[in-house]
Amino acid sequence: MSQAEPATKPGAKPEKQEENFFVFLIKLVVIVAVFRSFIFSPFNIPSESMLPRLVNGDYLLAAKWPYGYSRYSMPFSLPLIPSRILATQPKRGDVVIFKAPPTNQDDWIKRVIGLPGDTIQMKGGVLYINGNAVPKQRIEDFEIAVSPNTSCYQPRYGMSVNYETVKDGKTICHYPQYRETLPADNGKPGKSYNVLDMETTPQDNTMPYIVPEGALFLMGDDRDNSQDSRFPVEVGGIGYVPQGNLVGRATIVMWSTDGSVSWYKPWTWLTAARWNRIGGTF
């Protein structure tokens, strides 16, 4: 009576396990792609145009479903969705991630100020919506420590103001901060948020902008340090942003670093973190 042959010969590769591993990898890639395309996607803040709410070195999650889906929802903007579907218009005050005109390639983040049909204007550093001044109340200065990710604002239009101080042995940037409250929306109180206003700049006084249908007027909270809808694309701004360019809505800050981390010094992974910023919602 002959012995039964072993199921796998000595030295042979376990083909079944290899197949299962590749199937697992494919499933994982699909799950990640679906999650990033339709649920949440990470986004990092590379500039100071949204101070004080967002600072250089913040990492946040953007919700992908609030405004519908388009090709810009997909990784690398793959043209798998021919037009915007399940579309919903943002609300004034929403902080949105979008593809910036004119190339529609780079992800930018700004606050929604004007909706279709709105007239937006700046007068003496005060925001006007449909002819009405948005309340702007001076509050305590915003302070942030100087770090590899943060340097103090330098006045550009003739003002001799030093925004840099020393506090507890650290160099601190301190900026004039204001509280704005947008108009009521469908009977609900308008959104309130903080903005910075460092000095008198050309963008403090603008022409009236009438927001076209299907577009948005977006501004940075750091009013003197933001290339936004107050500037046409010809001079580095974004002009009116088509709602089809929306990628998602900011939801929560999941991490923040001051930029002093060294990957070969593990202790700096903790000391570089801005712990007080993690978990902040919008």
C-alpha atoms as a PDB file:
ATOM      1  CA  MET A   1       0.000   0.000   0.000  1.00  0.00           C
ATOM      2  CA  SER A   2       1.537   3.295  -1.080  1.00  0.00           C
ATOM      3  CA  GLN A   3       1.695   6.355   1.162  1.00  0.00           C
ATOM      4  CA  ALA A   4      -0.440   9.409   0.234  1.00  0.00           C
ATOM      5  CA  GLU A   5       1.568  12.295  -1.233  1.00  0.00           C
ATOM      6  CA  PRO A   6       1.800  15.471   0.944  1.00  0.00           C
ATOM      7  CA  ALA A   7      -0.517  18.293  -0.115  1.00  0.00           C
ATOM      8  CA  THR A   8       2.487  20.614  -0.587  1.00  0.00           C
ATOM      9  CA  LYS A   9       5.835  19.352  -1.728  1.00  0.00           C
ATOM     10  CA  PRO A  10       8.855  20.294   0.399  1.00  0.00           C
ATOM     11  CA  GLY A  11      10.211  23.710  -0.690  1.00  0.00           C
ATOM     12  CA  ALA A  12       7.099  24.590  -2.713  1.00  0.00           C
ATOM     13  CA  LYS A  13       5.464  28.038  -2.114  1.00  0.00           C
ATOM     14  CA  PRO A  14       2.056  28.042  -0.458  1.00  0.00           C
ATOM     15  CA  GLU A  15       0.193  29.412  -3.475  1.00  0.00           C
ATOM     16  CA  LYS A  16      -3.084  29.570  -1.588  1.00  0.00           C
ATOM     17  CA  GLN A  17      -1.588  31.875   1.055  1.00  0.00           C
ATOM     18  CA  GLU A  18      -0.018  34.094  -1.611  1.00  0.00           C
ATOM     19  CA  GLU A  19      -3.368  34.430  -3.387  1.00  0.00           C
ATOM     20  CA  ASN A  20      -5.089  35.297  -0.108  1.00  0.00           C
ATOM     21  CA  PHE A  21      -2.450  37.949   0.641  1.00  0.00           C
ATOM     22  CA  PHE A  22      -2.889  39.651  -2.736  1.00  0.00           C
ATOM     23  CA  VAL A  23      -6.664  39.523  -2.390  1.00  0.00           C
ATOM     24  CA  PHE A  24      -6.281  41.165   1.020  1.00  0.00           C
ATOM     25  CA  LEU A  25      -4.074  43.913  -0.470  1.00  0.00           C
ATOM     26  CA  ILE A  26      -6.566  44.606  -3.247  1.00  0.00           C
ATOM     27  CA  LYS A  27      -9.429  44.791  -0.755  1.00  0.00           C
ATOM     28  CA  LEU A  28      -7.406  47.125   1.458  1.00  0.00           C
ATOM     29  CA  VAL A  29      -6.618  49.477  -1.446  1.00  0.00           C
ATOM     30  CA  VAL A  30     -10.299  49.528  -2.465  1.00  0.00           C
ATOM     31  CA  ILE A  31     -11.458  50.237   1.107  1.00  0.00           C
ATOM     32  CA  VAL A  32      -8.940  53.085   1.522  1.00  0.00           C
ATOM     33  CA  ALA A  33      -9.883  54.561  -1.868  1.00  0.00           C
ATOM     34  CA  VAL A  34     -13.600  54.436  -1.048  1.00  0.00           C
ATOM     35  CA  PHE A  35     -13.003  55.937   2.409  1.00  0.00           C
ATOM     36  CA  ARG A  36     -10.887  58.809   1.046  1.00  0.00           C
ATOM     37  CA  SER A  37     -13.224  59.444  -1.879  1.00  0.00           C
ATOM     38  CA  PHE A  38     -16.607  59.343  -0.164  1.00  0.00           C
ATOM     39  CA  ILE A  39     -16.210  59.646   3.626  1.00  0.00           C
ATOM     40  CA  PHE A  40     -13.107  61.396   5.040  1.00  0.00           C
ATOM     41  CA  SER A  41      -9.795  62.535   3.647  1.00  0.00           C
ATOM     42  CA  PRO A  42      -6.764  63.985   5.502  1.00  0.00           C
ATOM     43  CA  PHE A  43      -5.566  67.490   4.703  1.00  0.00           C
ATOM     44  CA  ASN A  44      -2.638  69.505   6.030  1.00  0.00           C
ATOM     45  CA  ILE A  45      -2.354  73.271   6.485  1.00  0.00           C
ATOM     46  CA  PRO A  46       0.749  74.615   4.688  1.00  0.00           C
ATOM     47  CA  SER A  47       0.233  78.359   5.236  1.00  0.00           C
ATOM     48  CA  GLU A  48      -1.085  80.978   7.672  1.00  0.00           C
ATOM     49  CA  SER A  49      -3.972  82.308   5.573  1.00  0.00           C
ATOM     50  CA  MET A  50      -6.552  80.767   7.944  1.00  0.00           C
ATOM     51  CA  LEU A  51      -5.098  82.061  11.215  1.00  0.00           C
ATOM     52  CA  PRO A  52      -6.258  82.054  13.954  1.00  0.00           C
ATOM     53  CA  ARG A  53      -8.522  79.031  13.372  1.00  0.00           C
ATOM     54  CA  LEU A  54      -5.905  77.005  11.523  1.00  0.00           C
ATOM     55  CA  VAL A  55      -2.137  77.263  11.767  1.00  0.00           C
ATOM     56  CA  ASN A  56       0.717  75.983   9.651  1.00  0.00           C
ATOM     57  CA  GLY A  57       1.312  72.394  10.789  1.00  0.00           C
ATOM     58  CA  ASP A  58      -2.311  71.455  11.513  1.00  0.00           C
ATOM     59  CA  TYR A  59      -3.617  68.198  10.050  1.00  0.00           C
ATOM     60  CA  LEU A  60      -7.363  67.857   9.733  1.00  0.00           C
ATOM     61  CA  LEU A  61     -10.017  65.547   8.376  1.00  0.00           C
ATOM     62  CA  ALA A  62     -12.278  66.789   5.609  1.00  0.00           C
ATOM     63  CA  ALA A  63     -15.750  65.276   5.333  1.00  0.00           C
ATOM     64  CA  LYS A  64     -16.395  64.367   1.700  1.00  0.00           C
ATOM     65  CA  TRP A  65     -20.183  63.941   1.662  1.00  0.00           C
ATOM     66  CA  PRO A  66     -21.629  67.345   2.722  1.00  0.00           C
ATOM     67  CA  TYR A  67     -21.505  69.024  -0.717  1.00  0.00           C
ATOM     68  CA  GLY A  68     -21.876  66.016  -2.996  1.00  0.00           C
ATOM     69  CA  TYR A  69     -19.308  64.270  -5.165  1.00  0.00           C
ATOM     70  CA  SER A  70     -17.415  65.038  -8.347  1.00  0.00           C
ATOM     71  CA  ARG A  71     -14.163  64.058 -10.023  1.00  0.00           C
ATOM     72  CA  TYR A  72     -12.402  66.179  -7.369  1.00  0.00           C
ATOM     73  CA  SER A  73     -13.637  63.763  -4.703  1.00  0.00           C
ATOM     74  CA  MET A  74     -11.567  61.012  -6.282  1.00  0.00           C
ATOM     75  CA  PRO A  75      -7.840  60.390  -5.666  1.00  0.00           C
ATOM     76  CA  PHE A  76      -5.801  62.339  -8.244  1.00  0.00           C
ATOM     77  CA  SER A  77      -9.097  63.866  -9.496  1.00  0.00           C
ATOM     78  CA  LEU A  78      -9.745  60.792 -11.636  1.00  0.00           C
ATOM     79  CA  PRO A  79     -12.609  61.593 -14.055  1.00  0.00           C
ATOM     80  CA  LEU A  80     -14.788  58.705 -12.856  1.00  0.00           C
ATOM     81  CA  ILE A  81     -17.724  60.949 -11.924  1.00  0.00           C
ATOM     82  CA  PRO A  82     -18.738  62.965 -15.014  1.00  0.00           C
ATOM     83  CA  SER A  83     -20.567  65.720 -13.092  1.00  0.00           C
ATOM     84  CA  ARG A  84     -21.314  66.750  -9.517  1.00  0.00           C
ATOM     85  CA  ILE A  85     -23.863  64.426  -7.913  1.00  0.00           C
ATOM     86  CA  LEU A  86     -25.865  64.677  -4.661  1.00  0.00           C
ATOM     87  CA  ALA A  87     -24.892  68.353  -4.686  1.00  0.00           C
ATOM     88  CA  THR A  88     -25.663  70.538  -1.655  1.00  0.00           C
ATOM     89  CA  GLN A  89     -24.781  74.208  -1.287  1.00  0.00           C
ATOM     90  CA  PRO A  90     -22.453  75.177   1.580  1.00  0.00           C
ATOM     91  CA  LYS A  91     -23.540  77.562   4.314  1.00  0.00           C
ATOM     92  CA  ARG A  92     -21.934  80.913   5.015  1.00  0.00           C
ATOM     93  CA  GLY A  93     -19.146  80.366   7.526  1.00  0.00           C
ATOM     94  CA  ASP A  94     -18.304  76.808   6.448  1.00  0.00           C
ATOM     95  CA  VAL A  95     -14.571  76.102   6.156  1.00  0.00           C
ATOM     96  CA  VAL A  96     -14.156  74.279   2.847  1.00  0.00           C
ATOM     97  CA  ILE A  97     -11.437  72.462   0.958  1.00  0.00           C
ATOM     98  CA  PHE A  98     -11.548  72.993  -2.800  1.00  0.00           C
ATOM     99  CA  LYS A  99      -9.534  72.812  -6.000  1.00  0.00           C
ATOM    100  CA  ALA A 100      -8.175  76.296  -6.599  1.00  0.00           C
ATOM    101  CA  PRO A 101      -8.716  78.011  -9.949  1.00  0.00           C
ATOM    102  CA  PRO A 102      -7.381  78.410 -12.530  1.00  0.00           C
ATOM    103  CA  THR A 103      -5.594  75.031 -12.677  1.00  0.00           C
ATOM    104  CA  ASN A 104      -8.040  73.148 -10.418  1.00  0.00           C
ATOM    105  CA  GLN A 105      -5.152  70.984  -9.230  1.00  0.00           C
ATOM    106  CA  ASP A 106      -4.073  72.267  -5.798  1.00  0.00           C
ATOM    107  CA  ASP A 107      -6.149  71.829  -2.645  1.00  0.00           C
ATOM    108  CA  TRP A 108      -6.838  75.120  -0.850  1.00  0.00           C
ATOM    109  CA  ILE A 109      -8.842  75.910   2.279  1.00  0.00           C
ATOM    110  CA  LYS A 110     -10.917  79.058   2.947  1.00  0.00           C
ATOM    111  CA  ARG A 111     -14.127  80.168   4.624  1.00  0.00           C
ATOM    112  CA  VAL A 112     -17.394  80.578   2.701  1.00  0.00           C
ATOM    113  CA  ILE A 113     -18.438  84.238   2.860  1.00  0.00           C
ATOM    114  CA  GLY A 114     -20.655  84.785  -0.174  1.00  0.00           C
ATOM    115  CA  LEU A 115     -23.314  82.571  -1.780  1.00  0.00           C
ATOM    116  CA  PRO A 116     -24.813  82.955  -5.279  1.00  0.00           C
ATOM    117  CA  GLY A 117     -26.531  86.321  -5.620  1.00  0.00           C
ATOM    118  CA  ASP A 118     -24.746  87.892  -2.613  1.00  0.00           C
ATOM    119  CA  THR A 119     -22.963  91.218  -2.929  1.00  0.00           C
ATOM    120  CA  ILE A 120     -19.657  91.197  -1.015  1.00  0.00           C
ATOM    121  CA  GLN A 121     -17.501  94.237  -0.297  1.00  0.00           C
ATOM    122  CA  MET A 122     -14.773  95.332   2.113  1.00  0.00           C
ATOM    123  CA  LYS A 123     -14.877  98.900   3.454  1.00  0.00           C
ATOM    124  CA  GLY A 124     -12.196 100.080   5.852  1.00  0.00           C
ATOM    125  CA  GLY A 125     -11.412  96.499   6.850  1.00  0.00           C
ATOM    126  CA  VAL A 126     -15.077  95.738   7.607  1.00  0.00           C
ATOM    127  CA  LEU A 127     -16.894  93.006   5.677  1.00  0.00           C
ATOM    128  CA  TYR A 128     -20.221  93.938   4.074  1.00  0.00           C
ATOM    129  CA  ILE A 129     -22.724  91.346   2.854  1.00  0.00           C
ATOM    130  CA  ASN A 130     -25.629  92.615   0.762  1.00  0.00           C
ATOM    131  CA  GLY A 131     -24.977  96.163   1.948  1.00  0.00           C
ATOM    132  CA  ASN A 132     -24.937  95.307   5.657  1.00  0.00           C
ATOM    133  CA  ALA A 133     -21.801  95.493   7.800  1.00  0.00           C
ATOM    134  CA  VAL A 134     -20.838  92.222   9.468  1.00  0.00           C
ATOM    135  CA  PRO A 135     -20.332  92.909  13.204  1.00  0.00           C
ATOM    136  CA  LYS A 136     -16.624  92.954  14.043  1.00  0.00           C
ATOM    137  CA  GLN A 137     -15.741  93.023  17.745  1.00  0.00           C
ATOM    138  CA  ARG A 138     -12.187  93.457  19.075  1.00  0.00           C
ATOM    139  CA  ILE A 139     -11.215  90.647  21.461  1.00  0.00           C
ATOM    140  CA  GLU A 140      -7.967  89.539  23.113  1.00  0.00           C
ATOM    141  CA  ASP A 141      -4.871  89.267  20.927  1.00  0.00           C
ATOM    142  CA  PHE A 142      -4.145  85.937  19.284  1.00  0.00           C
ATOM    143  CA  GLU A 143      -0.809  84.490  20.391  1.00  0.00           C
ATOM    144  CA  ILE A 144       1.302  81.742  18.877  1.00  0.00           C
ATOM    145  CA  ALA A 145       4.916  80.743  19.572  1.00  0.00           C
ATOM    146  CA  VAL A 146       7.576  81.195  16.916  1.00  0.00           C
ATOM    147  CA  SER A 147       8.731  77.811  15.589  1.00  0.00           C
ATOM    148  CA  PRO A 148      10.023  76.237  12.366  1.00  0.00           C
ATOM    149  CA  ASN A 149       6.391  76.343  11.153  1.00  0.00           C
ATOM    150  CA  THR A 150       5.625  79.866  12.401  1.00  0.00           C
ATOM    151  CA  SER A 151       7.227  83.273  11.973  1.00  0.00           C
ATOM    152  CA  CYS A 152       5.718  86.622  12.932  1.00  0.00           C
ATOM    153  CA  TYR A 153       3.879  88.767  10.411  1.00  0.00           C
ATOM    154  CA  GLN A 154       5.938  91.631   9.021  1.00  0.00           C
ATOM    155  CA  PRO A 155       3.950  94.772   8.128  1.00  0.00           C
ATOM    156  CA  ARG A 156       4.064  95.463   4.386  1.00  0.00           C
ATOM    157  CA  TYR A 157       2.314  98.797   3.926  1.00  0.00           C
ATOM    158  CA  GLY A 158       4.304 101.340   5.924  1.00  0.00           C
ATOM    159  CA  MET A 159       3.144 100.479   9.427  1.00  0.00           C
ATOM    160  CA  SER A 160       5.900 100.249  12.044  1.00  0.00           C
ATOM    161  CA  VAL A 161       4.349  97.606  14.304  1.00  0.00           C
ATOM    162  CA  ASN A 162       6.257  94.871  16.095  1.00  0.00           C
ATOM    163  CA  TYR A 163       4.082  91.788  16.518  1.00  0.00           C
ATOM    164  CA  GLU A 164       6.891  89.855  18.216  1.00  0.00           C
ATOM    165  CA  THR A 165       7.304  89.685  22.014  1.00  0.00           C
ATOM    166  CA  VAL A 166       9.105  87.476  24.519  1.00  0.00           C
ATOM    167  CA  LYS A 167       7.013  85.619  27.064  1.00  0.00           C
ATOM    168  CA  ASP A 168       8.300  83.013  29.545  1.00  0.00           C
ATOM    169  CA  GLY A 169      11.540  82.789  27.567  1.00  0.00           C
ATOM    170  CA  LYS A 170       9.741  82.084  24.278  1.00  0.00           C
ATOM    171  CA  THR A 171       9.330  84.348  21.284  1.00  0.00           C
ATOM    172  CA  ILE A 172       5.616  84.904  20.720  1.00  0.00           C
ATOM    173  CA  CYS A 173       3.669  86.397  17.823  1.00  0.00           C
ATOM    174  CA  HIS A 174       0.692  88.419  19.046  1.00  0.00           C
ATOM    175  CA  TYR A 175      -1.889  89.723  16.603  1.00  0.00           C
ATOM    176  CA  PRO A 176      -4.982  91.949  16.761  1.00  0.00           C
ATOM    177  CA  GLN A 177      -7.977  89.598  16.801  1.00  0.00           C
ATOM    178  CA  TYR A 178     -11.653  90.242  16.101  1.00  0.00           C
ATOM    179  CA  ARG A 179     -14.894  88.308  16.359  1.00  0.00           C
ATOM    180  CA  GLU A 180     -17.119  88.367  13.276  1.00  0.00           C
ATOM    181  CA  THR A 181     -20.730  87.173  13.210  1.00  0.00           C
ATOM    182  CA  LEU A 182     -22.354  86.443   9.869  1.00  0.00           C
ATOM    183  CA  PRO A 183     -26.018  87.256   9.088  1.00  0.00           C
ATOM    184  CA  ALA A 184     -28.765  84.887  10.214  1.00  0.00           C
ATOM    185  CA  ASP A 185     -29.499  82.076   7.772  1.00  0.00           C
ATOM    186  CA  ASN A 186     -33.097  80.807   7.428  1.00  0.00           C
ATOM    187  CA  GLY A 187     -33.930  81.981  10.924  1.00  0.00           C
ATOM    188  CA  LYS A 188     -30.825  80.416  12.466  1.00  0.00           C
ATOM    189  CA  PRO A 189     -28.118  82.582  14.074  1.00  0.00           C
ATOM    190  CA  GLY A 190     -25.195  83.362  11.795  1.00  0.00           C
ATOM    191  CA  LYS A 191     -21.865  81.655  12.382  1.00  0.00           C
ATOM    192  CA  SER A 192     -19.284  83.442  14.555  1.00  0.00           C
ATOM    193  CA  TYR A 193     -15.530  83.040  14.116  1.00  0.00           C
ATOM    194  CA  ASN A 194     -12.300  84.925  14.804  1.00  0.00           C
ATOM    195  CA  VAL A 195     -10.279  86.853  12.226  1.00  0.00           C
ATOM    196  CA  LEU A 196      -6.980  88.724  12.246  1.00  0.00           C
ATOM    197  CA  ASP A 197      -6.507  92.277  10.968  1.00  0.00           C
ATOM    198  CA  MET A 198      -2.877  93.395  11.160  1.00  0.00           C
ATOM    199  CA  GLU A 199      -2.753  96.646   9.219  1.00  0.00           C
ATOM    200  CA  THR A 200      -4.411  98.756   6.542  1.00  0.00           C
ATOM    201  CA  THR A 201      -4.000  96.965   3.209  1.00  0.00           C
ATOM    202  CA  PRO A 202      -5.369  97.469  -0.332  1.00  0.00           C
ATOM    203  CA  GLN A 203      -7.761  94.537   0.145  1.00  0.00           C
ATOM    204  CA  ASP A 204      -9.385  96.331   3.107  1.00  0.00           C
ATOM    205  CA  ASN A 205     -11.297  98.428   0.542  1.00  0.00           C
ATOM    206  CA  THR A 206     -12.690  96.683  -2.508  1.00  0.00           C
ATOM    207  CA  MET A 207     -15.251  97.035  -5.227  1.00  0.00           C
ATOM    208  CA  PRO A 208     -18.593  95.258  -4.734  1.00  0.00           C
ATOM    209  CA  TYR A 209     -18.460  91.619  -5.849  1.00  0.00           C
ATOM    210  CA  ILE A 210     -21.708  89.993  -7.012  1.00  0.00           C
ATOM    211  CA  VAL A 211     -21.379  86.222  -6.643  1.00  0.00           C
ATOM    212  CA  PRO A 212     -22.505  84.407  -9.823  1.00  0.00           C
ATOM    213  CA  GLU A 213     -24.844  81.450  -9.868  1.00  0.00           C
ATOM    214  CA  GLY A 214     -23.074  78.188  -9.065  1.00  0.00           C
ATOM    215  CA  ALA A 215     -20.089  79.936  -7.470  1.00  0.00           C
ATOM    216  CA  LEU A 216     -18.816  80.953  -4.015  1.00  0.00           C
ATOM    217  CA  PHE A 217     -16.920  83.915  -2.570  1.00  0.00           C
ATOM    218  CA  LEU A 218     -14.237  82.577  -0.223  1.00  0.00           C
ATOM    219  CA  MET A 219     -11.932  84.421   2.175  1.00  0.00           C
ATOM    220  CA  GLY A 220      -9.133  83.555   4.580  1.00  0.00           C
ATOM    221  CA  ASP A 221      -9.545  84.442   8.263  1.00  0.00           C
ATOM    222  CA  ASP A 222      -6.091  86.082   8.213  1.00  0.00           C
ATOM    223  CA  ARG A 223      -7.454  89.006   6.236  1.00  0.00           C
ATOM    224  CA  ASP A 224      -4.127  90.679   5.441  1.00  0.00           C
ATOM    225  CA  ASN A 225      -2.355  87.457   4.529  1.00  0.00           C
ATOM    226  CA  SER A 226      -4.731  85.567   2.241  1.00  0.00           C
ATOM    227  CA  GLN A 227      -4.957  85.352  -1.544  1.00  0.00           C
ATOM    228  CA  ASP A 228      -8.660  84.661  -1.881  1.00  0.00           C
ATOM    229  CA  SER A 229     -11.761  85.728  -3.827  1.00  0.00           C
ATOM    230  CA  ARG A 230     -10.865  89.398  -3.350  1.00  0.00           C
ATOM    231  CA  PHE A 231      -8.089  88.812  -5.892  1.00  0.00           C
ATOM    232  CA  PRO A 232      -8.566  87.626  -9.490  1.00  0.00           C
ATOM    233  CA  VAL A 233      -6.664  84.588 -10.682  1.00  0.00           C
ATOM    234  CA  GLU A 234      -4.448  86.835 -12.838  1.00  0.00           C
ATOM    235  CA  VAL A 235      -2.705  88.162  -9.704  1.00  0.00           C
ATOM    236  CA  GLY A 236      -2.556  84.898  -7.747  1.00  0.00           C
ATOM    237  CA  GLY A 237      -6.030  84.902  -6.219  1.00  0.00           C
ATOM    238  CA  ILE A 238      -8.906  82.521  -6.842  1.00  0.00           C
ATOM    239  CA  GLY A 239     -11.746  84.810  -7.917  1.00  0.00           C
ATOM    240  CA  TYR A 240     -15.195  83.247  -7.728  1.00  0.00           C
ATOM    241  CA  VAL A 241     -14.848  79.523  -7.016  1.00  0.00           C
ATOM    242  CA  PRO A 242     -17.236  77.130  -8.820  1.00  0.00           C
ATOM    243  CA  GLN A 243     -19.147  74.950  -6.374  1.00  0.00           C
ATOM    244  CA  GLY A 244     -18.132  72.003  -8.528  1.00  0.00           C
ATOM    245  CA  ASN A 245     -14.558  72.528  -7.263  1.00  0.00           C
ATOM    246  CA  LEU A 246     -15.510  71.668  -3.683  1.00  0.00           C
ATOM    247  CA  VAL A 247     -13.672  68.709  -2.171  1.00  0.00           C
ATOM    248  CA  GLY A 248     -15.064  68.638   1.362  1.00  0.00           C
ATOM    249  CA  ARG A 249     -15.779  70.428   4.630  1.00  0.00           C
ATOM    250  CA  ALA A 250     -13.265  70.754   7.481  1.00  0.00           C
ATOM    251  CA  THR A 251     -14.412  68.756  10.508  1.00  0.00           C
ATOM    252  CA  ILE A 252     -11.693  68.157  13.120  1.00  0.00           C
ATOM    253  CA  VAL A 253      -7.990  68.811  13.733  1.00  0.00           C
ATOM    254  CA  MET A 254      -6.470  65.361  14.260  1.00  0.00           C
ATOM    255  CA  TRP A 255      -2.826  66.456  14.727  1.00  0.00           C
ATOM    256  CA  SER A 256      -0.696  69.585  14.916  1.00  0.00           C
ATOM    257  CA  THR A 257       3.052  70.090  14.957  1.00  0.00           C
ATOM    258  CA  ASP A 258       5.246  73.170  15.290  1.00  0.00           C
ATOM    259  CA  GLY A 259       7.711  71.718  12.773  1.00  0.00           C
ATOM    260  CA  SER A 260      10.539  71.022  15.224  1.00  0.00           C
ATOM    261  CA  VAL A 261      10.276  67.239  14.954  1.00  0.00           C
ATOM    262  CA  SER A 262      13.343  65.190  13.992  1.00  0.00           C
ATOM    263  CA  TRP A 263      12.438  61.691  12.910  1.00  0.00           C
ATOM    264  CA  TYR A 264      15.692  60.259  14.276  1.00  0.00           C
ATOM    265  CA  LYS A 265      14.955  61.814  17.702  1.00  0.00           C
ATOM    266  CA  PRO A 266      11.787  60.051  18.872  1.00  0.00           C
ATOM    267  CA  TRP A 267      11.274  62.337  21.882  1.00  0.00           C
ATOM    268  CA  THR A 268      10.679  65.272  19.530  1.00  0.00           C
ATOM    269  CA  TRP A 269       7.610  63.472  18.178  1.00  0.00           C
ATOM    270  CA  LEU A 270       5.963  64.495  21.446  1.00  0.00           C
ATOM    271  CA  THR A 271       7.643  67.832  22.167  1.00  0.00           C
ATOM    272  CA  ALA A 272       6.809  69.153  18.667  1.00  0.00           C
ATOM    273  CA  ALA A 273       3.095  68.428  19.053  1.00  0.00           C
ATOM    274  CA  ARG A 274       0.671  71.267  19.717  1.00  0.00           C
ATOM    275  CA  TRP A 275      -1.490  69.202  22.037  1.00  0.00           C
ATOM    276  CA  ASN A 276      -3.963  72.000  22.748  1.00  0.00           C
ATOM    277  CA  ARG A 277      -4.978  72.137  19.077  1.00  0.00           C
ATOM    278  CA  ILE A 278      -5.768  68.445  18.613  1.00  0.00           C
ATOM    279  CA  GLY A 279      -9.469  67.636  18.587  1.00  0.00           C
ATOM    280  CA  GLY A 280     -10.650  71.130  17.641  1.00  0.00           C
ATOM    281  CA  THR A 281     -13.845  71.019  15.566  1.00  0.00           C
ATOM    282  CA  PHE A 282     -15.470  73.422  13.110  1.00  0.00           C
END
